[in-house]
Amino acid sequence: MYTLYKKYYPYVGPFDPCPPIRVKTYSTPPNLYVGFQPYNLPQFSPKEALYKGTLWPAFYDPYYNPYEKPMREEVQ
């Protein structure tokens, strides 16, 4: 199973002037995991496709800022 968010652990030097970010994350687009576009994929309606930026739900990837997500969880 694949995930759209990957993480890596950068090197933290002993003399870094700022507090380090120990885990960094990045987003990968869904089209990396589809070798070719299959026939008869489901489609969004034209209005919804313009809103989401793609015609096919398989290629839709909403962006969530990894630093804002904990703030949303605190509010709820």
PDB file of N, CA and C in Angstrom:
ATOM      1  N   MET A   1       0.838  -1.180   0.000  1.00  0.00           N
ATOM      2  CA  MET A   1       0.000   0.000   0.000  1.00  0.00           C
ATOM      3  C   MET A   1       0.887   1.250   0.000  1.00  0.00           C
ATOM      4  N   TYR A   2       0.496   2.225  -0.751  1.00  0.00           N
ATOM      5  CA  TYR A   2       1.273   3.442  -0.841  1.00  0.00           C
ATOM      6  C   TYR A   2       0.628   4.542   0.001  1.00  0.00           C
ATOM      7  N   THR A   3       1.401   5.536   0.351  1.00  0.00           N
ATOM      8  CA  THR A   3       0.885   6.712   1.032  1.00  0.00           C
ATOM      9  C   THR A   3       1.259   7.928   0.205  1.00  0.00           C
ATOM     10  N   LEU A   4       0.434   8.939   0.247  1.00  0.00           N
ATOM     11  CA  LEU A   4       0.708  10.150  -0.508  1.00  0.00           C
ATOM     12  C   LEU A   4       1.662  11.073   0.234  1.00  0.00           C
ATOM     13  N   TYR A   5       1.874  10.833   1.510  1.00  0.00           N
ATOM     14  CA  TYR A   5       2.806  11.632   2.296  1.00  0.00           C
ATOM     15  C   TYR A   5       3.985  10.771   2.730  1.00  0.00           C
ATOM     16  N   LYS A   6       5.160  11.241   2.425  1.00  0.00           N
ATOM     17  CA  LYS A   6       6.386  10.548   2.801  1.00  0.00           C
ATOM     18  C   LYS A   6       7.090  11.380   3.868  1.00  0.00           C
ATOM     19  N   LYS A   7       7.990  10.758   4.616  1.00  0.00           N
ATOM     20  CA  LYS A   7       8.752  11.500   5.603  1.00  0.00           C
ATOM     21  C   LYS A   7      10.206  11.051   5.568  1.00  0.00           C
ATOM     22  N   TYR A   8      11.070  11.960   5.983  1.00  0.00           N
ATOM     23  CA  TYR A   8      12.480  11.627   6.084  1.00  0.00           C
ATOM     24  C   TYR A   8      13.067  12.347   7.295  1.00  0.00           C
ATOM     25  N   TYR A   9      14.212  11.882   7.727  1.00  0.00           N
ATOM     26  CA  TYR A   9      14.866  12.388   8.913  1.00  0.00           C
ATOM     27  C   TYR A   9      16.185  13.050   8.499  1.00  0.00           C
ATOM     28  N   PRO A  10      16.220  14.391   8.445  1.00  0.00           N
ATOM     29  CA  PRO A  10      17.452  15.053   8.015  1.00  0.00           C
ATOM     30  C   PRO A  10      18.523  14.997   9.100  1.00  0.00           C
ATOM     31  N   TYR A  11      19.749  15.212   8.671  1.00  0.00           N
ATOM     32  CA  TYR A  11      20.877  15.250   9.600  1.00  0.00           C
ATOM     33  C   TYR A  11      20.753  16.485  10.486  1.00  0.00           C
ATOM     34  N   VAL A  12      20.958  16.311  11.760  1.00  0.00           N
ATOM     35  CA  VAL A  12      20.951  17.421  12.717  1.00  0.00           C
ATOM     36  C   VAL A  12      22.377  17.573  13.232  1.00  0.00           C
ATOM     37  N   GLY A  13      22.988  18.686  12.874  1.00  0.00           N
ATOM     38  CA  GLY A  13      24.364  18.928  13.286  1.00  0.00           C
ATOM     39  C   GLY A  13      24.448  19.422  14.719  1.00  0.00           C
ATOM     40  N   PRO A  14      25.569  19.215  15.364  1.00  0.00           N
ATOM     41  CA  PRO A  14      25.702  19.645  16.754  1.00  0.00           C
ATOM     42  C   PRO A  14      25.802  21.164  16.916  1.00  0.00           C
ATOM     43  N   PHE A  15      26.133  21.886  15.844  1.00  0.00           N
ATOM     44  CA  PHE A  15      26.298  23.332  15.939  1.00  0.00           C
ATOM     45  C   PHE A  15      25.244  24.096  15.142  1.00  0.00           C
ATOM     46  N   ASP A  16      24.086  23.493  14.875  1.00  0.00           N
ATOM     47  CA  ASP A  16      23.012  24.188  14.171  1.00  0.00           C
ATOM     48  C   ASP A  16      22.501  25.347  15.028  1.00  0.00           C
ATOM     49  N   PRO A  17      22.344  26.538  14.446  1.00  0.00           N
ATOM     50  CA  PRO A  17      21.938  27.696  15.249  1.00  0.00           C
ATOM     51  C   PRO A  17      20.458  27.696  15.638  1.00  0.00           C
ATOM     52  N   CYS A  18      19.618  26.970  14.898  1.00  0.00           N
ATOM     53  CA  CYS A  18      18.178  26.968  15.160  1.00  0.00           C
ATOM     54  C   CYS A  18      17.747  25.613  15.693  1.00  0.00           C
ATOM     55  N   PRO A  19      16.618  25.571  16.394  1.00  0.00           N
ATOM     56  CA  PRO A  19      16.112  24.262  16.817  1.00  0.00           C
ATOM     57  C   PRO A  19      15.771  23.426  15.583  1.00  0.00           C
ATOM     58  N   PRO A  20      16.186  22.183  15.552  1.00  0.00           N
ATOM     59  CA  PRO A  20      15.996  21.374  14.341  1.00  0.00           C
ATOM     60  C   PRO A  20      14.572  20.854  14.183  1.00  0.00           C
ATOM     61  N   ILE A  21      14.208  20.626  12.938  1.00  0.00           N
ATOM     62  CA  ILE A  21      12.979  19.905  12.620  1.00  0.00           C
ATOM     63  C   ILE A  21      13.434  18.474  12.366  1.00  0.00           C
ATOM     64  N   ARG A  22      13.100  17.583  13.260  1.00  0.00           N
ATOM     65  CA  ARG A  22      13.644  16.227  13.212  1.00  0.00           C
ATOM     66  C   ARG A  22      13.011  15.362  12.131  1.00  0.00           C
ATOM     67  N   VAL A  23      11.727  15.574  11.833  1.00  0.00           N
ATOM     68  CA  VAL A  23      11.046  14.797  10.802  1.00  0.00           C
ATOM     69  C   VAL A  23      10.455  15.776   9.799  1.00  0.00           C
ATOM     70  N   LYS A  24      10.792  15.605   8.540  1.00  0.00           N
ATOM     71  CA  LYS A  24      10.231  16.446   7.481  1.00  0.00           C
ATOM     72  C   LYS A  24       9.346  15.584   6.596  1.00  0.00           C
ATOM     73  N   THR A  25       8.236  16.157   6.141  1.00  0.00           N
ATOM     74  CA  THR A  25       7.305  15.421   5.294  1.00  0.00           C
ATOM     75  C   THR A  25       7.144  16.133   3.953  1.00  0.00           C
ATOM     76  N   TYR A  26       6.780  15.358   2.945  1.00  0.00           N
ATOM     77  CA  TYR A  26       6.485  15.916   1.636  1.00  0.00           C
ATOM     78  C   TYR A  26       5.393  15.083   0.989  1.00  0.00           C
ATOM     79  N   SER A  27       4.707  15.696   0.052  1.00  0.00           N
ATOM     80  CA  SER A  27       3.578  15.064  -0.612  1.00  0.00           C
ATOM     81  C   SER A  27       3.996  14.568  -1.988  1.00  0.00           C
ATOM     82  N   THR A  28       3.509  13.391  -2.362  1.00  0.00           N
ATOM     83  CA  THR A  28       3.748  12.874  -3.706  1.00  0.00           C
ATOM     84  C   THR A  28       2.414  12.810  -4.447  1.00  0.00           C
ATOM     85  N   PRO A  29       2.383  13.173  -5.716  1.00  0.00           N
ATOM     86  CA  PRO A  29       1.122  13.164  -6.452  1.00  0.00           C
ATOM     87  C   PRO A  29       0.660  11.741  -6.764  1.00  0.00           C
ATOM     88  N   PRO A  30      -0.660  11.527  -6.828  1.00  0.00           N
ATOM     89  CA  PRO A  30      -1.179  10.186  -7.083  1.00  0.00           C
ATOM     90  C   PRO A  30      -0.806   9.629  -8.456  1.00  0.00           C
ATOM     91  N   ASN A  31      -0.543  10.488  -9.441  1.00  0.00           N
ATOM     92  CA  ASN A  31      -0.235   9.978 -10.773  1.00  0.00           C
ATOM     93  C   ASN A  31       1.102   9.237 -10.821  1.00  0.00           C
ATOM     94  N   LEU A  32       1.919   9.344  -9.775  1.00  0.00           N
ATOM     95  CA  LEU A  32       3.163   8.569  -9.733  1.00  0.00           C
ATOM     96  C   LEU A  32       2.899   7.077  -9.588  1.00  0.00           C
ATOM     97  N   TYR A  33       1.743   6.726  -9.049  1.00  0.00           N
ATOM     98  CA  TYR A  33       1.445   5.333  -8.736  1.00  0.00           C
ATOM     99  C   TYR A  33       0.538   4.670  -9.771  1.00  0.00           C
ATOM    100  N   VAL A  34       0.199   5.382 -10.835  1.00  0.00           N
ATOM    101  CA  VAL A  34      -0.623   4.824 -11.908  1.00  0.00           C
ATOM    102  C   VAL A  34       0.273   4.730 -13.138  1.00  0.00           C
ATOM    103  N   GLY A  35       0.538   3.520 -13.607  1.00  0.00           N
ATOM    104  CA  GLY A  35       1.423   3.345 -14.749  1.00  0.00           C
ATOM    105  C   GLY A  35       0.848   3.910 -16.033  1.00  0.00           C
ATOM    106  N   PHE A  36      -0.433   3.754 -16.230  1.00  0.00           N
ATOM    107  CA  PHE A  36      -1.119   4.288 -17.396  1.00  0.00           C
ATOM    108  C   PHE A  36      -2.545   4.599 -16.965  1.00  0.00           C
ATOM    109  N   GLN A  37      -3.212   5.422 -17.738  1.00  0.00           N
ATOM    110  CA  GLN A  37      -4.582   5.796 -17.393  1.00  0.00           C
ATOM    111  C   GLN A  37      -5.547   4.750 -17.920  1.00  0.00           C
ATOM    112  N   PRO A  38      -6.181   3.997 -17.036  1.00  0.00           N
ATOM    113  CA  PRO A  38      -7.089   2.945 -17.491  1.00  0.00           C
ATOM    114  C   PRO A  38      -8.365   3.521 -18.111  1.00  0.00           C
ATOM    115  N   TYR A  39      -9.041   2.691 -18.889  1.00  0.00           N
ATOM    116  CA  TYR A  39     -10.308   3.096 -19.493  1.00  0.00           C
ATOM    117  C   TYR A  39     -11.402   3.171 -18.454  1.00  0.00           C
ATOM    118  N   ASN A  40     -12.412   3.974 -18.741  1.00  0.00           N
ATOM    119  CA  ASN A  40     -13.644   4.073 -17.947  1.00  0.00           C
ATOM    120  C   ASN A  40     -13.408   4.441 -16.492  1.00  0.00           C
ATOM    121  N   LEU A  41     -12.494   5.365 -16.248  1.00  0.00           N
ATOM    122  CA  LEU A  41     -12.337   5.861 -14.881  1.00  0.00           C
ATOM    123  C   LEU A  41     -13.551   6.709 -14.518  1.00  0.00           C
ATOM    124  N   PRO A  42     -14.002   6.657 -13.261  1.00  0.00           N
ATOM    125  CA  PRO A  42     -15.098   7.546 -12.863  1.00  0.00           C
ATOM    126  C   PRO A  42     -14.652   9.004 -12.983  1.00  0.00           C
ATOM    127  N   GLN A  43     -15.615   9.882 -13.234  1.00  0.00           N
ATOM    128  CA  GLN A  43     -15.292  11.294 -13.430  1.00  0.00           C
ATOM    129  C   GLN A  43     -16.129  12.161 -12.505  1.00  0.00           C
ATOM    130  N   PHE A  44     -15.543  13.304 -12.127  1.00  0.00           N
ATOM    131  CA  PHE A  44     -16.294  14.315 -11.397  1.00  0.00           C
ATOM    132  C   PHE A  44     -17.239  15.018 -12.365  1.00  0.00           C
ATOM    133  N   SER A  45     -18.245  15.683 -11.823  1.00  0.00           N
ATOM    134  CA  SER A  45     -19.079  16.550 -12.660  1.00  0.00           C
ATOM    135  C   SER A  45     -18.205  17.721 -13.114  1.00  0.00           C
ATOM    136  N   PRO A  46     -18.567  18.410 -14.209  1.00  0.00           N
ATOM    137  CA  PRO A  46     -17.721  19.510 -14.688  1.00  0.00           C
ATOM    138  C   PRO A  46     -17.481  20.598 -13.638  1.00  0.00           C
ATOM    139  N   LYS A  47     -18.498  20.947 -12.880  1.00  0.00           N
ATOM    140  CA  LYS A  47     -18.341  21.988 -11.857  1.00  0.00           C
ATOM    141  C   LYS A  47     -17.391  21.514 -10.745  1.00  0.00           C
ATOM    142  N   GLU A  48     -17.578  20.284 -10.299  1.00  0.00           N
ATOM    143  CA  GLU A  48     -16.723  19.740  -9.251  1.00  0.00           C
ATOM    144  C   GLU A  48     -15.285  19.555  -9.746  1.00  0.00           C
ATOM    145  N   ALA A  49     -15.120  19.190 -11.022  1.00  0.00           N
ATOM    146  CA  ALA A  49     -13.783  19.017 -11.595  1.00  0.00           C
ATOM    147  C   ALA A  49     -13.036  20.351 -11.628  1.00  0.00           C
ATOM    148  N   LEU A  50     -13.724  21.445 -11.945  1.00  0.00           N
ATOM    149  CA  LEU A  50     -13.078  22.754 -11.930  1.00  0.00           C
ATOM    150  C   LEU A  50     -12.686  23.146 -10.511  1.00  0.00           C
ATOM    151  N   TYR A  51     -13.505  22.798  -9.548  1.00  0.00           N
ATOM    152  CA  TYR A  51     -13.205  23.121  -8.163  1.00  0.00           C
ATOM    153  C   TYR A  51     -12.007  22.318  -7.647  1.00  0.00           C
ATOM    154  N   LYS A  52     -11.947  21.042  -7.999  1.00  0.00           N
ATOM    155  CA  LYS A  52     -10.893  20.163  -7.485  1.00  0.00           C
ATOM    156  C   LYS A  52      -9.629  20.159  -8.335  1.00  0.00           C
ATOM    157  N   GLY A  53      -9.707  20.620  -9.570  1.00  0.00           N
ATOM    158  CA  GLY A  53      -8.516  20.724 -10.406  1.00  0.00           C
ATOM    159  C   GLY A  53      -8.200  19.493 -11.229  1.00  0.00           C
ATOM    160  N   THR A  54      -9.076  18.504 -11.213  1.00  0.00           N
ATOM    161  CA  THR A  54      -8.874  17.305 -12.027  1.00  0.00           C
ATOM    162  C   THR A  54     -10.230  16.704 -12.360  1.00  0.00           C
ATOM    163  N   LEU A  55     -10.284  15.989 -13.454  1.00  0.00           N
ATOM    164  CA  LEU A  55     -11.529  15.366 -13.872  1.00  0.00           C
ATOM    165  C   LEU A  55     -11.749  14.023 -13.200  1.00  0.00           C
ATOM    166  N   TRP A  56     -10.674  13.354 -12.791  1.00  0.00           N
ATOM    167  CA  TRP A  56     -10.777  11.993 -12.262  1.00  0.00           C
ATOM    168  C   TRP A  56     -10.498  11.956 -10.761  1.00  0.00           C
ATOM    169  N   PRO A  57     -11.364  11.315  -9.984  1.00  0.00           N
ATOM    170  CA  PRO A  57     -11.135  11.207  -8.539  1.00  0.00           C
ATOM    171  C   PRO A  57      -9.848  10.454  -8.189  1.00  0.00           C
ATOM    172  N   ALA A  58      -9.401   9.554  -9.034  1.00  0.00           N
ATOM    173  CA  ALA A  58      -8.174   8.809  -8.748  1.00  0.00           C
ATOM    174  C   ALA A  58      -6.953   9.724  -8.718  1.00  0.00           C
ATOM    175  N   PHE A  59      -7.005  10.857  -9.398  1.00  0.00           N
ATOM    176  CA  PHE A  59      -5.874  11.783  -9.449  1.00  0.00           C
ATOM    177  C   PHE A  59      -6.049  12.986  -8.533  1.00  0.00           C
ATOM    178  N   TYR A  60      -7.102  13.014  -7.746  1.00  0.00           N
ATOM    179  CA  TYR A  60      -7.352  14.127  -6.838  1.00  0.00           C
ATOM    180  C   TYR A  60      -6.535  13.947  -5.567  1.00  0.00           C
ATOM    181  N   ASP A  61      -5.816  14.974  -5.175  1.00  0.00           N
ATOM    182  CA  ASP A  61      -4.996  14.935  -3.978  1.00  0.00           C
ATOM    183  C   ASP A  61      -5.091  16.280  -3.269  1.00  0.00           C
ATOM    184  N   PRO A  62      -5.932  16.384  -2.251  1.00  0.00           N
ATOM    185  CA  PRO A  62      -5.989  17.656  -1.520  1.00  0.00           C
ATOM    186  C   PRO A  62      -4.725  17.840  -0.692  1.00  0.00           C
ATOM    187  N   TYR A  63      -4.271  19.065  -0.579  1.00  0.00           N
ATOM    188  CA  TYR A  63      -3.058  19.347   0.189  1.00  0.00           C
ATOM    189  C   TYR A  63      -3.437  19.751   1.601  1.00  0.00           C
ATOM    190  N   TYR A  64      -2.851  19.100   2.567  1.00  0.00           N
ATOM    191  CA  TYR A  64      -3.015  19.466   3.961  1.00  0.00           C
ATOM    192  C   TYR A  64      -1.641  19.806   4.503  1.00  0.00           C
ATOM    193  N   ASN A  65      -1.512  20.989   5.071  1.00  0.00           N
ATOM    194  CA  ASN A  65      -0.250  21.405   5.644  1.00  0.00           C
ATOM    195  C   ASN A  65       0.031  20.557   6.881  1.00  0.00           C
ATOM    196  N   PRO A  66       1.164  19.872   6.950  1.00  0.00           N
ATOM    197  CA  PRO A  66       1.434  19.000   8.096  1.00  0.00           C
ATOM    198  C   PRO A  66       1.561  19.761   9.407  1.00  0.00           C
ATOM    199  N   TYR A  67       1.850  21.057   9.352  1.00  0.00           N
ATOM    200  CA  TYR A  67       1.989  21.840  10.574  1.00  0.00           C
ATOM    201  C   TYR A  67       0.647  22.381  11.060  1.00  0.00           C
ATOM    202  N   GLU A  68      -0.361  22.462  10.198  1.00  0.00           N
ATOM    203  CA  GLU A  68      -1.680  22.928  10.604  1.00  0.00           C
ATOM    204  C   GLU A  68      -2.560  21.804  11.129  1.00  0.00           C
ATOM    205  N   LYS A  69      -2.281  20.590  10.767  1.00  0.00           N
ATOM    206  CA  LYS A  69      -3.132  19.468  11.150  1.00  0.00           C
ATOM    207  C   LYS A  69      -3.271  19.327  12.665  1.00  0.00           C
ATOM    208  N   PRO A  70      -2.192  19.418  13.463  1.00  0.00           N
ATOM    209  CA  PRO A  70      -2.374  19.331  14.912  1.00  0.00           C
ATOM    210  C   PRO A  70      -3.248  20.452  15.468  1.00  0.00           C
ATOM    211  N   MET A  71      -3.201  21.653  14.856  1.00  0.00           N
ATOM    212  CA  MET A  71      -4.037  22.730  15.328  1.00  0.00           C
ATOM    213  C   MET A  71      -5.516  22.412  15.134  1.00  0.00           C
ATOM    214  N   ARG A  72      -5.859  21.778  14.017  1.00  0.00           N
ATOM    215  CA  ARG A  72      -7.253  21.396  13.782  1.00  0.00           C
ATOM    216  C   ARG A  72      -7.727  20.379  14.800  1.00  0.00           C
ATOM    217  N   GLU A  73      -6.864  19.465  15.184  1.00  0.00           N
ATOM    218  CA  GLU A  73      -7.250  18.435  16.140  1.00  0.00           C
ATOM    219  C   GLU A  73      -7.475  19.038  17.528  1.00  0.00           C
ATOM    220  N   GLU A  74      -6.733  20.103  17.883  1.00  0.00           N
ATOM    221  CA  GLU A  74      -6.918  20.729  19.184  1.00  0.00           C
ATOM    222  C   GLU A  74      -8.253  21.429  19.288  1.00  0.00           C
ATOM    223  N   VAL A  75      -8.720  22.014  18.178  1.00  0.00           N
ATOM    224  CA  VAL A  75      -9.977  22.769  18.185  1.00  0.00           C
ATOM    225  C   VAL A  75     -11.150  21.838  18.411  1.00  0.00           C
ATOM    226  N   GLN A  76     -11.118  20.646  17.846  1.00  0.00           N
ATOM    227  CA  GLN A  76     -12.264  19.748  17.930  1.00  0.00           C
ATOM    228  C   GLN A  76     -12.380  19.064  19.236  1.00  0.00           C
TER     229      GLN A  76
END
